[in-house]
Amino acid sequence: MSLSIDTFEDQDIFIADILSKNKIIAMVGASKNWKRPSNFVMKYLQKYGFTVIPINPGNAGQYILNELCYASLQEVPIKIDMVNIFRPSEFCASITKDAINIGAKTVWMQLGIKNEEAINLGK
C-alpha cells in the first residue's frame, strides 16, 4: 500500500482500509493520564470495538482503561495486528523492529512523528 496520500478522500479510504484489517492494536506509550493523547485515542478505539493493549514499562501489570498493561510488545500473549506508537521519533525504529519481530501487520506513527529508519523497515 502506498505511503503517498494526495487528498482527504484518499486519506479516509487509506485509514478505513487499515482499520478494517487491524482489530487488535498494541499502543506503545499508552498513558493512564486522561489528558494524554494516547489515553483518549485508546478510549476512542475501544468505543468502536477495537481491542487495545497498552504498552508502557512504567505501568506494566496495572490496568489502563480496563486493559492489562505490558512492559513490551514481546510480553503480550495474543497476536497483535497493529502497533500504534505514541513515543518520540527517536524510539520509532526500535519499536518498529519489535513490531516486525512479533508479526504485526501494521505500524502507525502519530501525526508529526517521522523516522526514516522506521519507515524503511516497514516497507
C-alpha atoms as a PDB file:
ATOM      1  CA  MET A   1       0.000   0.000   0.000  1.00  0.00           C
ATOM      2  CA  SER A   2       1.355   3.409  -0.951  1.00  0.00           C
ATOM      3  CA  LEU A   3       2.517   5.825   1.717  1.00  0.00           C
ATOM      4  CA  SER A   4       1.523   8.767  -0.503  1.00  0.00           C
ATOM      5  CA  ILE A   5      -1.880  10.285   0.223  1.00  0.00           C
ATOM      6  CA  ASP A   6      -2.902  13.108  -2.111  1.00  0.00           C
ATOM      7  CA  THR A   7      -6.407  14.096  -0.966  1.00  0.00           C
ATOM      8  CA  PHE A   8      -8.564  13.948   2.138  1.00  0.00           C
ATOM      9  CA  GLU A   9     -10.740  11.375   0.366  1.00  0.00           C
ATOM     10  CA  ASP A  10      -7.666   9.218  -0.301  1.00  0.00           C
ATOM     11  CA  GLN A  11      -6.666   9.630   3.331  1.00  0.00           C
ATOM     12  CA  ASP A  12     -10.088   8.496   4.562  1.00  0.00           C
ATOM     13  CA  ILE A  13     -10.030   5.435   2.292  1.00  0.00           C
ATOM     14  CA  PHE A  14      -6.476   4.595   3.391  1.00  0.00           C
ATOM     15  CA  ILE A  15      -7.335   4.853   7.099  1.00  0.00           C
ATOM     16  CA  ALA A  16     -10.584   2.898   6.721  1.00  0.00           C
ATOM     17  CA  ASP A  17      -8.683   0.124   4.926  1.00  0.00           C
ATOM     18  CA  ILE A  18      -6.053  -0.067   7.664  1.00  0.00           C
ATOM     19  CA  LEU A  19      -8.616  -0.127  10.462  1.00  0.00           C
ATOM     20  CA  SER A  20     -10.766  -2.749   8.741  1.00  0.00           C
ATOM     21  CA  LYS A  21      -7.791  -5.138   8.722  1.00  0.00           C
ATOM     22  CA  ASN A  22      -6.415  -4.469  12.206  1.00  0.00           C
ATOM     23  CA  LYS A  23      -8.690  -5.189  15.166  1.00  0.00           C
ATOM     24  CA  ILE A  24      -6.112  -5.881  17.883  1.00  0.00           C
ATOM     25  CA  ILE A  25      -3.898  -2.868  18.465  1.00  0.00           C
ATOM     26  CA  ALA A  26      -0.922  -2.523  20.786  1.00  0.00           C
ATOM     27  CA  MET A  27      -0.499   1.074  21.900  1.00  0.00           C
ATOM     28  CA  VAL A  28       3.151   1.742  22.741  1.00  0.00           C
ATOM     29  CA  GLY A  29       3.336   4.713  25.079  1.00  0.00           C
ATOM     30  CA  ALA A  30      -0.177   4.296  26.459  1.00  0.00           C
ATOM     31  CA  SER A  31      -0.874   6.543  29.432  1.00  0.00           C
ATOM     32  CA  LYS A  32      -3.149   6.332  32.461  1.00  0.00           C
ATOM     33  CA  ASN A  33      -3.411  10.133  32.361  1.00  0.00           C
ATOM     34  CA  TRP A  34      -6.728  11.050  30.720  1.00  0.00           C
ATOM     35  CA  LYS A  35      -5.173  14.313  29.465  1.00  0.00           C
ATOM     36  CA  ARG A  36      -2.636  12.485  27.268  1.00  0.00           C
ATOM     37  CA  PRO A  37      -3.454  11.879  23.590  1.00  0.00           C
ATOM     38  CA  SER A  38      -2.717   8.155  23.896  1.00  0.00           C
ATOM     39  CA  ASN A  39      -5.401   7.837  26.557  1.00  0.00           C
ATOM     40  CA  PHE A  40      -8.193   9.442  24.587  1.00  0.00           C
ATOM     41  CA  VAL A  41      -7.183   7.684  21.347  1.00  0.00           C
ATOM     42  CA  MET A  42      -7.246   4.368  23.219  1.00  0.00           C
ATOM     43  CA  LYS A  43     -10.689   5.192  24.622  1.00  0.00           C
ATOM     44  CA  TYR A  44     -11.947   6.176  21.148  1.00  0.00           C
ATOM     45  CA  LEU A  45     -10.682   2.957  19.543  1.00  0.00           C
ATOM     46  CA  GLN A  46     -12.243   0.867  22.325  1.00  0.00           C
ATOM     47  CA  LYS A  47     -15.550   2.661  21.805  1.00  0.00           C
ATOM     48  CA  TYR A  48     -15.547   1.455  18.196  1.00  0.00           C
ATOM     49  CA  GLY A  49     -14.830  -2.170  19.037  1.00  0.00           C
ATOM     50  CA  PHE A  50     -11.059  -2.404  18.819  1.00  0.00           C
ATOM     51  CA  THR A  51      -9.065  -4.340  21.383  1.00  0.00           C
ATOM     52  CA  VAL A  52      -6.283  -2.015  22.519  1.00  0.00           C
ATOM     53  CA  ILE A  53      -3.396  -3.439  24.536  1.00  0.00           C
ATOM     54  CA  PRO A  54      -1.416  -0.769  26.418  1.00  0.00           C
ATOM     55  CA  ILE A  55       2.389  -0.998  26.353  1.00  0.00           C
ATOM     56  CA  ASN A  56       4.267   1.076  28.911  1.00  0.00           C
ATOM     57  CA  PRO A  57       7.036  -0.294  31.172  1.00  0.00           C
ATOM     58  CA  GLY A  58       6.167   2.273  33.850  1.00  0.00           C
ATOM     59  CA  ASN A  59       2.622   0.896  34.150  1.00  0.00           C
ATOM     60  CA  ALA A  60       3.263  -2.803  33.446  1.00  0.00           C
ATOM     61  CA  GLY A  61       0.974  -5.047  35.487  1.00  0.00           C
ATOM     62  CA  GLN A  62      -1.542  -2.241  36.020  1.00  0.00           C
ATOM     63  CA  TYR A  63      -4.711  -1.533  34.066  1.00  0.00           C
ATOM     64  CA  ILE A  64      -5.251   1.308  31.629  1.00  0.00           C
ATOM     65  CA  LEU A  65      -8.876   1.707  30.538  1.00  0.00           C
ATOM     66  CA  ASN A  66      -9.650  -1.827  31.756  1.00  0.00           C
ATOM     67  CA  GLU A  67      -6.814  -3.461  29.780  1.00  0.00           C
ATOM     68  CA  LEU A  68      -3.744  -5.022  31.373  1.00  0.00           C
ATOM     69  CA  CYS A  69      -0.622  -3.037  30.547  1.00  0.00           C
ATOM     70  CA  TYR A  70       2.567  -4.795  29.422  1.00  0.00           C
ATOM     71  CA  ALA A  71       6.179  -3.610  29.542  1.00  0.00           C
ATOM     72  CA  SER A  72       6.942  -4.650  25.963  1.00  0.00           C
ATOM     73  CA  LEU A  73       5.344  -5.952  22.794  1.00  0.00           C
ATOM     74  CA  GLN A  74       7.051  -9.307  23.308  1.00  0.00           C
ATOM     75  CA  GLU A  75       5.161  -9.878  26.575  1.00  0.00           C
ATOM     76  CA  VAL A  76       1.676  -9.651  25.045  1.00  0.00           C
ATOM     77  CA  PRO A  77       0.191 -13.184  24.964  1.00  0.00           C
ATOM     78  CA  ILE A  78      -2.131 -12.607  21.987  1.00  0.00           C
ATOM     79  CA  LYS A  79      -1.492 -11.863  18.303  1.00  0.00           C
ATOM     80  CA  ILE A  80      -1.233  -8.138  17.619  1.00  0.00           C
ATOM     81  CA  ASP A  81      -2.426  -6.801  14.262  1.00  0.00           C
ATOM     82  CA  MET A  82      -1.204  -3.226  14.549  1.00  0.00           C
ATOM     83  CA  VAL A  83       1.280  -1.307  16.689  1.00  0.00           C
ATOM     84  CA  ASN A  84       0.262   2.307  17.340  1.00  0.00           C
ATOM     85  CA  ILE A  85       3.261   4.341  18.540  1.00  0.00           C
ATOM     86  CA  PHE A  86       2.851   7.226  20.989  1.00  0.00           C
ATOM     87  CA  ARG A  87       6.570   7.798  21.562  1.00  0.00           C
ATOM     88  CA  PRO A  88       9.076  10.368  20.275  1.00  0.00           C
ATOM     89  CA  SER A  89      10.564   9.720  16.840  1.00  0.00           C
ATOM     90  CA  GLU A  90      13.922   8.509  18.166  1.00  0.00           C
ATOM     91  CA  PHE A  91      12.192   5.401  19.588  1.00  0.00           C
ATOM     92  CA  CYS A  92      10.226   4.503  16.455  1.00  0.00           C
ATOM     93  CA  ALA A  93      12.869   2.391  14.673  1.00  0.00           C
ATOM     94  CA  SER A  94      13.392   0.049  17.630  1.00  0.00           C
ATOM     95  CA  ILE A  95       9.634  -0.204  18.213  1.00  0.00           C
ATOM     96  CA  THR A  96       9.122  -0.969  14.514  1.00  0.00           C
ATOM     97  CA  LYS A  97      11.740  -3.742  14.737  1.00  0.00           C
ATOM     98  CA  ASP A  98       9.880  -5.189  17.728  1.00  0.00           C
ATOM     99  CA  ALA A  99       6.588  -4.952  15.799  1.00  0.00           C
ATOM    100  CA  ILE A 100       8.108  -6.861  12.885  1.00  0.00           C
ATOM    101  CA  ASN A 101       9.520  -9.491  15.254  1.00  0.00           C
ATOM    102  CA  ILE A 102       6.091 -10.202  16.767  1.00  0.00           C
ATOM    103  CA  GLY A 103       4.439 -10.373  13.340  1.00  0.00           C
ATOM    104  CA  ALA A 104       2.338  -7.193  13.476  1.00  0.00           C
ATOM    105  CA  LYS A 105       0.905  -6.300  10.049  1.00  0.00           C
ATOM    106  CA  THR A 106       0.867  -2.536  10.527  1.00  0.00           C
ATOM    107  CA  VAL A 107       2.839   0.135  12.392  1.00  0.00           C
ATOM    108  CA  TRP A 108       1.232   3.540  12.881  1.00  0.00           C
ATOM    109  CA  MET A 109       3.255   6.594  13.944  1.00  0.00           C
ATOM    110  CA  GLN A 110       1.394   9.670  15.107  1.00  0.00           C
ATOM    111  CA  LEU A 111       0.975  12.865  13.108  1.00  0.00           C
ATOM    112  CA  GLY A 112       4.187  14.888  13.171  1.00  0.00           C
ATOM    113  CA  ILE A 113       6.388  11.907  14.043  1.00  0.00           C
ATOM    114  CA  LYS A 114       8.861  10.936  11.346  1.00  0.00           C
ATOM    115  CA  ASN A 115      11.631   8.367  11.461  1.00  0.00           C
ATOM    116  CA  GLU A 116      13.126   7.334   8.117  1.00  0.00           C
ATOM    117  CA  GLU A 117      14.627   4.115   9.504  1.00  0.00           C
ATOM    118  CA  ALA A 118      11.236   3.036  10.853  1.00  0.00           C
ATOM    119  CA  ILE A 119       9.568   3.906   7.535  1.00  0.00           C
ATOM    120  CA  ASN A 120      12.136   1.889   5.582  1.00  0.00           C
ATOM    121  CA  LEU A 121      11.785  -1.074   7.944  1.00  0.00           C
ATOM    122  CA  GLY A 122       8.037  -1.012   7.418  1.00  0.00           C
ATOM    123  CA  LYS A 123       8.143  -1.102   3.635  1.00  0.00           C
END
